[in-house]
Protein backbone atom coordinates (compact mmCIF):
# COMPACT_ATOMS: atom_id res chain seq x y z
CA MET A 1 181.49 6.07 -24.15
CA ALA A 2 178.61 4.85 -21.97
CA ASP A 3 178.93 1.54 -20.17
CA PRO A 4 176.42 -0.91 -21.79
CA GLN A 5 175.68 -2.45 -18.40
CA LYS A 6 174.83 0.95 -16.89
CA ALA A 7 172.80 1.88 -19.95
CA SER A 8 170.69 -1.25 -19.55
CA ALA A 9 169.72 -0.13 -16.06
CA LEU A 10 168.05 3.04 -17.36
CA PRO A 11 164.24 3.20 -17.63
CA ALA A 12 162.88 1.34 -20.62
CA HIS A 13 160.83 4.39 -21.66
CA GLY A 14 163.74 6.37 -23.09
CA GLY A 15 164.42 8.44 -19.97
CA TYR A 16 160.77 8.56 -19.00
CA GLY A 17 161.18 7.13 -15.50
CA ILE A 18 157.49 6.67 -14.65
CA SER A 19 157.52 3.30 -12.96
CA THR A 20 159.78 4.01 -9.98
CA PHE A 21 156.96 4.64 -7.53
CA GLY A 22 154.99 1.79 -9.06
CA GLY A 23 157.81 -0.64 -8.39
CA THR A 24 159.84 -1.57 -5.34
CA SER A 25 159.83 1.95 -3.83
CA GLY A 26 156.05 1.97 -3.62
CA LEU A 27 155.96 -1.51 -2.15
CA ARG A 28 158.57 -0.57 0.45
CA LEU A 29 156.45 2.43 1.48
CA ILE A 30 153.36 0.26 1.86
CA TYR A 31 155.34 -2.35 3.81
CA ALA A 32 156.64 0.34 6.16
CA THR A 33 153.12 1.66 6.71
CA THR A 34 151.80 -1.84 7.39
CA SER A 35 154.54 -2.40 9.96
CA LEU A 36 153.58 0.89 11.59
CA ILE A 37 149.94 -0.26 11.83
CA ILE A 38 151.03 -3.40 13.65
CA LYS A 39 153.17 -1.40 16.10
CA VAL A 40 150.42 1.16 16.76
CA THR A 41 147.82 -1.57 17.26
CA ALA A 42 150.03 -3.23 19.84
CA SER A 43 151.05 -0.07 21.72
CA GLU A 44 148.37 2.62 21.33
CA GLY A 45 144.74 1.83 20.63
CA LEU A 46 141.82 1.56 18.25
CA GLU A 47 141.63 5.20 17.14
CA GLU A 48 145.29 5.34 16.16
CA MET A 49 144.97 2.00 14.38
CA ILE A 50 141.98 3.24 12.35
CA GLY A 51 143.78 6.44 11.38
CA ILE A 52 146.91 4.61 10.24
CA SER A 53 144.76 2.03 8.42
CA PHE A 54 143.14 4.79 6.38
CA LEU A 55 146.61 6.11 5.57
CA ALA A 56 147.76 2.65 4.48
CA VAL A 57 144.73 2.13 2.24
CA GLY A 58 145.22 5.59 0.75
CA LEU A 59 148.88 4.95 0.03
CA PHE A 60 148.07 1.59 -1.50
CA TRP A 61 145.49 3.16 -3.81
CA VAL A 62 147.96 5.89 -4.85
CA TRP A 63 150.60 3.23 -5.57
CA LEU A 64 148.17 1.01 -7.49
CA SER A 65 146.84 3.96 -9.50
CA TRP A 66 150.35 5.06 -10.46
CA PHE A 67 151.39 1.50 -11.26
CA LEU A 68 148.45 1.00 -13.61
CA ALA A 69 148.74 4.46 -15.16
CA SER A 70 152.49 4.20 -15.75
CA HIS A 71 152.30 0.74 -17.31
CA LEU A 72 149.18 1.23 -19.41
CA PRO A 73 150.94 3.04 -22.31
CA LYS A 74 153.34 0.11 -22.67
CA TRP A 75 150.57 -2.47 -22.39
CA ILE A 76 148.55 -0.92 -25.22
CA GLY A 77 151.60 -0.32 -27.42
CA ILE A 78 152.03 3.48 -27.32
CA ALA A 79 155.63 4.23 -28.33
CA THR A 80 155.65 8.05 -28.43
CA HIS A 81 157.05 9.44 -25.19
CA VAL A 82 154.80 12.50 -25.24
CA TRP A 83 151.64 10.41 -25.52
CA GLN A 84 152.94 8.05 -22.86
CA ARG A 85 153.21 10.99 -20.47
CA VAL A 86 149.81 12.38 -21.42
CA LEU A 87 148.06 9.03 -21.00
CA THR A 88 149.84 8.25 -17.73
CA VAL A 89 148.86 11.58 -16.16
CA ALA A 90 145.29 11.38 -17.46
CA VAL A 91 144.74 7.82 -16.21
CA PHE A 92 146.38 8.55 -12.85
CA MET A 93 144.19 11.62 -12.26
CA LEU A 94 141.12 9.64 -13.31
CA LEU A 95 141.88 6.79 -10.91
CA MET A 96 142.52 9.25 -8.08
CA VAL A 97 139.22 11.09 -8.60
CA VAL A 98 136.74 8.34 -9.59
CA PRO A 99 136.37 6.77 -6.09
CA PHE A 100 135.36 10.18 -4.72
CA VAL A 101 133.05 11.39 -7.50
CA ASP A 102 129.86 10.46 -5.65
CA HIS A 103 131.13 12.18 -2.49
CA ILE A 104 132.20 15.35 -4.31
CA VAL A 105 128.95 15.70 -6.25
CA GLY A 106 126.76 14.57 -3.35
CA MET A 107 128.31 16.96 -0.83
CA ARG A 108 127.76 19.85 -3.24
CA GLN A 109 124.10 18.84 -3.38
CA PHE A 110 124.02 18.59 0.42
CA GLU A 111 125.49 22.08 0.76
CA ARG A 112 122.91 23.44 -1.67
CA LEU A 113 120.08 21.91 0.37
CA CYS A 114 121.57 23.42 3.52
CA ALA A 115 121.79 26.85 1.94
CA GLU A 116 118.36 26.87 0.28
CA GLU A 117 116.03 24.67 2.33
CA THR A 118 116.91 24.99 6.00
CA GLY A 119 115.37 28.37 6.71
CA LEU A 120 112.89 28.80 9.55
CA GLN A 121 109.33 29.10 8.25
CA ILE A 122 107.30 31.13 10.75
CA PHE A 123 103.49 31.41 10.71
CA PRO A 124 101.41 34.42 11.92
CA LYS A 125 100.03 32.70 15.03
CA VAL A 126 103.50 32.78 16.61
CA VAL A 127 102.75 36.25 18.03
CA ASP A 128 100.02 34.79 20.25
CA THR A 129 102.06 31.81 21.43
CA LYS A 130 103.20 31.71 25.04
CA ARG A 131 104.50 28.13 25.13
CA GLY A 132 105.78 26.00 22.28
CA VAL A 133 106.67 22.37 21.70
CA GLU A 134 108.87 20.93 18.93
CA THR A 135 108.48 17.52 17.30
CA SER A 136 110.32 15.92 14.38
CA SER A 137 109.13 13.62 11.62
CA ALA A 138 110.81 10.38 10.62
CA ARG A 139 113.71 10.63 8.20
CA GLU A 140 113.05 10.33 4.48
CA LEU A 141 115.61 10.04 1.70
CA VAL A 142 115.90 13.03 -0.63
CA GLY A 143 115.50 11.94 -4.24
CA GLY A 144 117.89 12.69 -7.10
CA THR A 145 121.14 12.94 -5.12
CA ALA A 146 124.51 11.26 -5.71
CA ILE A 147 124.76 10.13 -2.08
CA PRO A 148 122.07 9.18 0.46
CA ILE A 149 120.77 12.38 2.06
CA SER A 150 118.04 12.20 4.68
CA ARG A 151 115.52 14.87 5.53
CA SER A 152 113.30 15.22 8.56
CA VAL A 153 110.87 18.07 9.23
CA SER A 154 110.75 19.71 12.65
CA THR A 155 107.46 21.33 13.56
CA ILE A 156 106.98 23.85 16.34
CA SER A 157 103.42 24.08 17.69
CA ASP A 158 101.56 26.17 20.23
CA LEU A 159 101.50 24.01 23.34
CA ASP A 160 98.07 25.36 24.35
CA THR A 161 96.20 25.37 21.02
CA GLY A 162 98.12 22.80 18.99
CA GLU A 163 98.47 25.18 16.03
CA VAL A 164 101.65 25.02 13.98
CA ILE A 165 103.65 28.21 14.39
CA ALA A 166 106.97 27.32 12.72
CA ARG A 167 108.68 24.63 10.68
CA TYR A 168 112.15 23.83 9.36
CA ASN A 169 114.09 21.04 7.61
CA HIS A 170 116.92 18.95 9.01
CA PHE A 171 119.34 17.28 6.56
CA SER A 172 121.96 14.62 7.26
CA THR A 173 124.32 12.40 5.27
CA ARG A 174 127.25 10.06 5.80
CA GLY A 175 128.84 11.09 2.51
CA GLY A 176 129.99 8.91 -0.35
CA VAL A 177 130.96 5.24 -0.30
CA ILE A 178 134.69 6.03 -0.04
CA GLY A 179 134.68 9.72 0.82
CA GLY A 180 132.45 9.12 3.83
CA LEU A 181 134.68 6.49 5.45
CA PRO A 182 136.67 8.98 7.59
CA MET A 183 133.39 9.86 9.35
CA LEU A 184 133.55 6.38 10.99
CA GLY A 185 129.78 6.04 10.94
CA GLY A 186 129.13 9.66 11.89
CA GLU A 187 127.12 12.14 9.86
CA HIS A 188 127.26 15.58 8.34
CA VAL A 189 124.22 17.45 9.64
CA CYS A 190 122.62 20.74 8.75
CA SER A 191 119.65 22.55 10.26
CA ILE A 192 118.83 25.95 11.69
CA ASP A 193 118.92 24.61 15.26
CA GLY A 194 122.69 24.07 14.96
CA PRO A 195 124.97 26.87 16.23
CA ARG A 196 126.95 26.85 12.96
CA HIS A 197 123.92 27.67 10.84
CA PRO A 198 124.04 31.31 9.61
CA LYS A 199 120.48 31.93 10.82
CA TYR A 200 120.77 30.11 14.13
CA GLU A 201 120.13 33.30 16.11
CA GLN A 202 116.65 33.52 14.57
CA TYR A 203 115.83 30.04 15.85
CA ARG A 204 117.38 30.81 19.22
CA ALA A 205 115.29 33.97 19.59
CA LEU A 206 112.09 32.06 18.80
CA LYS A 207 113.04 29.32 21.24
CA LYS A 208 113.51 31.89 24.00
CA GLN A 209 110.32 33.77 23.11
CA ILE A 210 107.99 30.77 23.36
CA HIS A 211 109.81 28.81 26.08
CA LEU A 212 110.31 25.92 23.66
CA THR A 213 110.21 22.33 24.86
CA TYR A 214 110.81 19.15 22.87
CA GLY A 215 108.83 15.99 22.24
CA GLN A 216 105.18 15.25 22.69
CA PRO A 217 103.51 17.27 25.48
CA GLU A 218 102.43 15.29 28.51
C-alpha cells in the first residue's frame, strides 16, 4: 500500500509532471547562468559577457514560456489530462515562436529580394566604355516587409561620357526585433558586388573590363 506522504509529493496533474522545469529546477538553471555571467564579466571580456547574456535571456524565456504553458490548463480549469497536454504543448510552441515571427517572415522576404532583384542590369553602351565609375544612391526602405529592409541603387557610368552602362540593387537588414539581436548592430547584406552572390563573377568581369573606380570622378 502506497505511503500517503509519498503520494502527496507526486505531481498534482495525475502523473502529468509538467511543472518541473517551470519550478525550482528552472530557477536553479537561470541562477547558475547568471553566476556564470558575473564570473565571465570579471575574468574575460565584453564579447564573452554578451554571448552569455544572450544565453541567459534565452534560457529565461524558455523557462517562462514553459512555466506559463504548464500552468495555464490549471488556471483555466481544464481537468482532462489529454487536453492539458495538448494545450501546454500548443501554448509553449506559440510562445517560443511568436518573438521570432517578424524575423522569420522578414528574412524570407529578404532572401526573395536577393534572389530576384540583385541581378546586374547592363546597357548596350558598355561595349564602348573604356573607364567606368560607380556611385550609390541613399538608402530607402522597401515597403511591405515584416522587418526593415533598406535598398540602395548602385549605378555604373562611363567615366568619359557620363552615360549609364550598368545598374544593380543593394539590400540590407538588421533582422527582426528579437531575431536580429545576435547581429549586435551588424547587418545582413546582399548585392552582386559581394563574393557570395551567385553572379558575382559577372560583376567582377565588368569591373575588370572597364577599370572600375568608385565615387564621384574628380
